[in-house]
Amino acid sequence: MTGCGASNAAADGAQVDASIEDPLVDALAGKRVLWIGAHPDDEGTVAPLLGEVCVDRKATCTFLVATRGETGSCGLGSCAPDVGTFRSGEMVTAATLFGGTVVQWRLADGSSPDPNTVVSNWAASQGGVPALVANMQAAIAAASPEAVITLDPRHGTTCHPDHRAIAMVAISALGQMGSSAPKAYLAETKYQEATDPSALGYVPAVSGDTNVIGYDARRTRAAGGPTWDYLLDDLHAHASQFNAGLVAEFAAAPASEQRVFVLPFADASADPRYDSLCP
């Protein structure tokens, strides 16, 4: 598979014909794919990839969301009857864009600034860490995925402790499944403010890791336009968190930052650059 240093991209902002082979897309096309995140909207870190795989290439996609995001703010002025219920509804809308279904858990959102404490808090509500991990294993088994995509426990894209915690639980569950575990990928996308302050795009969490796979979101989607538009559609679905101005910043992302990144978990290695990303 192509590392982040290589690409099937055009040199400028031109769209890339989706008929051009992309090994990552080909590996996921038509498969059962499970996204595991902490909050409604976390799937945005890989939304363009999920769009091509789930919609255009007919993968069966499931979204497991650990919390309802109830401690988040409401950018709409009102999120009735409460933020958690409203955001859970937004997640259903977002999943529908990908032809997917949602498995919505109700673990506590924002319970600690420390990811290990978050896991402990979640475990306390589930009967202990073994029970929490067993519940994750059961959820994975129910979805019967051939591939799992989750956040990287070392940084969780934004260093949010819930992001890191759910990845820790997911990786533990997959590890206990042994040879029967599906292939796992870690999201390595992080936000990047462009030189133009009105633009916002994506870059790899650690530059230069040749095991990271870069997906070019200028590939043409079946409905027309670049697959980057799947991200914009996803952000619109989470309107309580992403206002029109913020969506416009992503729409203005420079061509070089219209990409998302994943790392096959089997290729993740001890790299101090990852360990130093978060406080």
Protein backbone atom coordinates (compact mmCIF):
# COMPACT_ATOMS: atom_id res chain seq x y z
CA MET A 1 0.00 0.00 0.00
CA THR A 2 1.03 3.55 -0.63
CA GLY A 3 2.77 5.37 2.22
CA CYS A 4 2.11 8.97 3.04
CA GLY A 5 5.10 10.05 1.01
CA ALA A 6 3.52 8.75 -2.19
CA SER A 7 0.23 9.57 -3.83
CA ASN A 8 -1.93 8.97 -6.86
CA ALA A 9 -2.76 12.68 -6.77
CA ALA A 10 -2.46 15.25 -9.49
CA ALA A 11 0.16 17.89 -8.80
CA ASP A 12 -2.40 20.69 -8.66
CA GLY A 13 -5.96 21.02 -7.42
CA ALA A 14 -7.44 18.92 -10.22
CA GLN A 15 -9.71 16.05 -9.32
CA VAL A 16 -8.34 12.53 -9.53
CA ASP A 17 -10.25 9.96 -11.58
CA ALA A 18 -11.68 7.34 -9.22
CA SER A 19 -10.86 4.65 -11.77
CA ILE A 20 -7.20 5.10 -10.84
CA GLU A 21 -6.27 2.29 -8.49
CA ASP A 22 -6.10 3.09 -4.79
CA PRO A 23 -4.90 0.06 -2.80
CA LEU A 24 -6.58 1.19 0.42
CA VAL A 25 -9.93 1.72 -1.28
CA ASP A 26 -9.60 -1.60 -3.07
CA ALA A 27 -8.83 -3.35 0.23
CA LEU A 28 -12.03 -1.99 1.83
CA ALA A 29 -14.40 -1.97 -1.14
CA GLY A 30 -17.42 -4.20 -0.69
CA LYS A 31 -16.27 -5.25 2.78
CA ARG A 32 -17.89 -4.88 6.19
CA VAL A 33 -16.24 -1.85 7.81
CA LEU A 34 -16.64 -0.73 11.42
CA TRP A 35 -15.76 2.77 12.60
CA ILE A 36 -15.17 3.08 16.35
CA GLY A 37 -15.14 6.61 17.77
CA ALA A 38 -15.76 8.44 21.03
CA HIS A 39 -18.26 11.10 19.92
CA PRO A 40 -20.75 11.83 17.21
CA ASP A 41 -18.67 13.61 14.52
CA ASP A 42 -15.34 11.81 15.16
CA GLU A 43 -15.80 9.96 11.86
CA GLY A 44 -15.00 13.25 10.12
CA THR A 45 -11.31 12.39 10.49
CA VAL A 46 -11.74 9.79 7.74
CA ALA A 47 -15.03 10.88 6.13
CA PRO A 48 -13.78 11.20 2.52
CA LEU A 49 -12.36 7.68 2.64
CA LEU A 50 -15.55 6.32 4.19
CA GLY A 51 -17.57 8.09 1.52
CA GLU A 52 -15.81 6.39 -1.35
CA VAL A 53 -15.67 3.02 0.40
CA CYS A 54 -19.19 2.94 1.88
CA VAL A 55 -21.15 4.79 -0.80
CA ASP A 56 -19.30 4.43 -4.07
CA ARG A 57 -17.72 1.05 -3.46
CA LYS A 58 -20.63 -0.50 -1.56
CA ALA A 59 -18.97 -1.46 1.72
CA THR A 60 -21.35 -2.22 4.60
CA CYS A 61 -20.47 0.38 7.21
CA THR A 62 -21.29 0.53 10.92
CA PHE A 63 -20.49 3.40 13.27
CA LEU A 64 -19.92 2.54 16.93
CA VAL A 65 -19.98 5.72 19.03
CA ALA A 66 -19.00 5.44 22.69
CA THR A 67 -20.61 8.61 24.08
CA ARG A 68 -23.44 10.89 23.06
CA GLY A 69 -21.18 13.94 23.24
CA GLU A 70 -23.42 15.37 25.93
CA THR A 71 -20.82 17.75 27.36
CA GLY A 72 -20.29 19.42 24.02
CA SER A 73 -21.62 22.86 23.24
CA CYS A 74 -24.59 23.56 21.00
CA GLY A 75 -23.76 25.95 18.20
CA LEU A 76 -27.36 26.17 17.07
CA GLY A 77 -28.63 28.06 20.09
CA SER A 78 -30.92 25.21 21.07
CA CYS A 79 -30.35 21.45 20.97
CA ALA A 80 -33.60 20.08 22.33
CA PRO A 81 -34.32 18.09 24.35
CA ASP A 82 -30.63 18.03 25.37
CA VAL A 83 -27.23 18.11 23.71
CA GLY A 84 -26.57 14.38 24.01
CA THR A 85 -29.87 13.36 22.44
CA PHE A 86 -29.52 15.98 19.72
CA ARG A 87 -25.99 14.95 18.81
CA SER A 88 -26.97 11.29 18.77
CA GLY A 89 -29.62 12.23 16.22
CA GLU A 90 -27.03 14.07 14.17
CA MET A 91 -24.91 10.92 14.20
CA VAL A 92 -27.77 8.91 12.73
CA THR A 93 -28.14 11.53 10.00
CA ALA A 94 -24.41 11.41 9.30
CA ALA A 95 -24.33 7.61 9.15
CA THR A 96 -27.20 7.69 6.67
CA LEU A 97 -25.02 9.76 4.34
CA PHE A 98 -22.68 6.77 4.21
CA GLY A 99 -25.50 4.23 3.96
CA GLY A 100 -24.46 3.06 7.42
CA THR A 101 -25.99 2.23 10.78
CA VAL A 102 -25.13 3.47 14.27
CA VAL A 103 -24.38 1.55 17.44
CA GLN A 104 -24.77 4.27 20.06
CA TRP A 105 -23.33 3.64 23.52
CA ARG A 106 -23.97 5.90 26.49
CA LEU A 107 -20.59 6.06 28.20
CA ALA A 108 -19.85 9.32 30.01
CA ASP A 109 -18.54 12.14 27.85
CA GLY A 110 -15.62 14.19 29.13
CA SER A 111 -15.23 12.46 32.49
CA SER A 112 -11.50 13.20 32.89
CA PRO A 113 -8.59 14.96 31.19
CA ASP A 114 -6.59 11.74 31.48
CA PRO A 115 -7.39 8.92 29.02
CA ASN A 116 -6.50 6.16 31.49
CA THR A 117 -8.88 7.67 34.03
CA VAL A 118 -11.55 7.89 31.34
CA VAL A 119 -11.18 4.15 30.75
CA SER A 120 -11.42 3.55 34.50
CA ASN A 121 -14.55 5.69 34.74
CA TRP A 122 -16.16 3.89 31.84
CA ALA A 123 -15.18 0.53 33.30
CA ALA A 124 -16.75 1.41 36.65
CA SER A 125 -20.09 1.83 34.88
CA GLN A 126 -19.71 -1.50 33.08
CA GLY A 127 -18.60 -3.77 35.90
CA GLY A 128 -14.84 -3.41 35.46
CA VAL A 129 -12.27 -3.20 32.69
CA PRO A 130 -12.70 -6.86 31.59
CA ALA A 131 -16.44 -6.27 31.22
CA LEU A 132 -15.88 -3.05 29.24
CA VAL A 133 -13.48 -4.81 26.89
CA ALA A 134 -15.84 -7.78 26.60
CA ASN A 135 -18.66 -5.43 25.65
CA MET A 136 -16.45 -3.98 22.93
CA GLN A 137 -15.61 -7.46 21.69
CA ALA A 138 -19.31 -8.29 21.56
CA ALA A 139 -20.05 -5.13 19.60
CA ILE A 140 -17.27 -5.92 17.15
CA ALA A 141 -18.55 -9.47 16.77
CA ALA A 142 -22.10 -8.22 16.17
CA ALA A 143 -20.92 -5.99 13.33
CA SER A 144 -18.73 -8.81 11.99
CA PRO A 145 -16.36 -6.39 10.30
CA GLU A 146 -13.58 -7.34 7.95
CA ALA A 147 -11.88 -4.04 8.81
CA VAL A 148 -12.01 -1.72 11.82
CA ILE A 149 -11.01 1.93 11.70
CA THR A 150 -10.53 3.74 14.99
CA LEU A 151 -8.53 6.57 16.49
CA ASP A 152 -4.89 6.29 17.52
CA PRO A 153 -4.61 5.85 21.31
CA ARG A 154 -1.37 7.82 21.32
CA HIS A 155 -3.01 11.08 20.24
CA GLY A 156 -6.63 10.55 19.20
CA THR A 157 -6.15 13.14 16.44
CA THR A 158 -6.84 16.09 18.78
CA CYS A 159 -5.43 14.66 22.03
CA HIS A 160 -8.97 14.50 23.41
CA PRO A 161 -8.84 11.99 26.28
CA ASP A 162 -12.08 10.31 25.20
CA HIS A 163 -10.64 9.76 21.72
CA ARG A 164 -7.59 8.11 23.15
CA ALA A 165 -9.61 6.08 25.67
CA ILE A 166 -12.00 4.51 23.16
CA ALA A 167 -9.05 3.59 20.97
CA MET A 168 -7.39 1.92 23.96
CA VAL A 169 -10.52 -0.12 24.60
CA ALA A 170 -10.91 -1.04 20.93
CA ILE A 171 -7.28 -2.11 20.58
CA SER A 172 -7.53 -4.18 23.77
CA ALA A 173 -10.63 -5.93 22.46
CA LEU A 174 -9.07 -6.63 19.09
CA GLY A 175 -5.92 -7.92 20.75
CA GLN A 176 -7.90 -10.42 22.79
CA MET A 177 -9.61 -11.68 19.65
CA GLY A 178 -6.28 -13.04 18.42
CA SER A 179 -6.16 -14.41 14.88
CA SER A 180 -9.91 -13.92 14.46
CA ALA A 181 -9.60 -10.14 14.80
CA PRO A 182 -10.34 -8.07 11.70
CA LYS A 183 -7.64 -5.88 10.23
CA ALA A 184 -7.41 -2.60 12.14
CA TYR A 185 -6.47 0.88 10.96
CA LEU A 186 -5.70 3.91 13.11
CA ALA A 187 -6.79 7.39 12.02
CA GLU A 188 -3.69 9.57 11.68
CA THR A 189 -5.42 12.71 10.43
CA LYS A 190 -5.03 16.00 12.26
CA TYR A 191 -6.31 19.49 11.58
CA GLN A 192 -4.03 21.94 9.83
CA GLU A 193 -4.64 25.65 9.56
CA ALA A 194 -3.39 26.76 6.19
CA THR A 195 -1.39 29.92 5.54
CA ASP A 196 -4.72 31.45 4.61
CA PRO A 197 -6.59 31.66 7.96
CA SER A 198 -9.88 31.10 6.14
CA ALA A 199 -8.85 27.56 5.15
CA LEU A 200 -8.61 24.38 7.20
CA GLY A 201 -7.32 21.02 5.97
CA TYR A 202 -5.77 17.76 7.08
CA VAL A 203 -2.18 16.59 7.49
CA PRO A 204 -0.70 13.42 9.00
CA ALA A 205 -0.24 13.42 12.76
CA VAL A 206 3.43 12.57 12.26
CA SER A 207 5.09 13.57 9.03
CA GLY A 208 7.42 11.05 7.46
CA ASP A 209 6.00 7.79 8.83
CA THR A 210 6.20 5.67 5.69
CA ASN A 211 3.73 3.14 7.09
CA VAL A 212 0.95 5.73 7.08
CA ILE A 213 -1.36 5.52 4.09
CA GLY A 214 -2.49 8.79 2.57
CA TYR A 215 -5.87 8.84 0.86
CA ASP A 216 -6.32 11.58 -1.74
CA ALA A 217 -9.74 13.16 -1.27
CA ARG A 218 -9.62 14.80 -4.69
CA ARG A 219 -10.71 11.49 -6.15
CA THR A 220 -13.99 11.87 -8.01
CA ARG A 221 -17.00 10.49 -6.19
CA ALA A 222 -19.80 8.67 -7.99
CA ALA A 223 -22.21 11.60 -7.60
CA GLY A 224 -19.64 14.02 -9.03
CA GLY A 225 -17.23 16.34 -7.29
CA PRO A 226 -14.31 15.29 -5.10
CA THR A 227 -14.66 12.82 -2.24
CA TRP A 228 -13.60 15.72 0.02
CA ASP A 229 -17.25 16.73 -0.34
CA TYR A 230 -18.18 13.71 1.79
CA LEU A 231 -16.42 15.48 4.65
CA LEU A 232 -18.37 18.68 4.02
CA ASP A 233 -21.64 16.72 3.97
CA ASP A 234 -20.66 15.02 7.22
CA LEU A 235 -19.86 18.33 8.89
CA HIS A 236 -23.20 19.75 7.77
CA ALA A 237 -24.89 16.75 9.42
CA HIS A 238 -23.18 17.74 12.70
CA ALA A 239 -24.39 21.33 12.53
CA SER A 240 -24.45 21.72 16.31
CA GLN A 241 -20.65 21.40 16.27
CA PHE A 242 -19.69 22.83 12.86
CA ASN A 243 -21.23 26.13 11.81
CA ALA A 244 -21.37 27.32 8.21
CA GLY A 245 -18.20 29.35 8.59
CA LEU A 246 -16.18 26.36 9.79
CA VAL A 247 -17.53 24.17 7.00
CA ALA A 248 -16.51 26.89 4.54
CA GLU A 249 -12.97 26.77 5.92
CA PHE A 250 -12.80 23.04 5.16
CA ALA A 251 -14.29 23.68 1.72
CA ALA A 252 -11.40 26.08 1.10
CA ALA A 253 -8.71 23.57 2.13
CA PRO A 254 -5.68 23.71 -0.16
CA ALA A 255 -5.37 20.78 -2.54
CA SER A 256 -2.39 19.38 -0.65
CA GLU A 257 -4.50 19.13 2.52
CA GLN A 258 -7.54 17.46 1.00
CA ARG A 259 -6.34 14.10 2.25
CA VAL A 260 -6.93 11.75 5.16
CA PHE A 261 -4.50 9.32 6.72
CA VAL A 262 -4.63 5.88 8.32
CA LEU A 263 -2.01 3.56 9.73
CA PRO A 264 -2.47 -0.22 9.64
CA PHE A 265 -2.28 -1.18 13.30
CA ALA A 266 -0.03 -4.10 12.39
CA ASP A 267 2.50 -1.57 11.05
CA ALA A 268 2.40 0.74 14.08
CA SER A 269 5.76 0.79 15.78
CA ALA A 270 7.30 2.40 18.84
CA ASP A 271 7.94 5.93 17.64
CA PRO A 272 8.63 8.68 20.18
CA ARG A 273 7.24 11.28 17.79
CA TYR A 274 3.73 9.94 18.41
CA ASP A 275 4.23 9.75 22.15
CA SER A 276 5.19 13.42 22.31
CA LEU A 277 2.11 14.74 20.49
CA CYS A 278 -0.02 15.09 23.63
CA PRO A 279 0.76 16.55 27.06
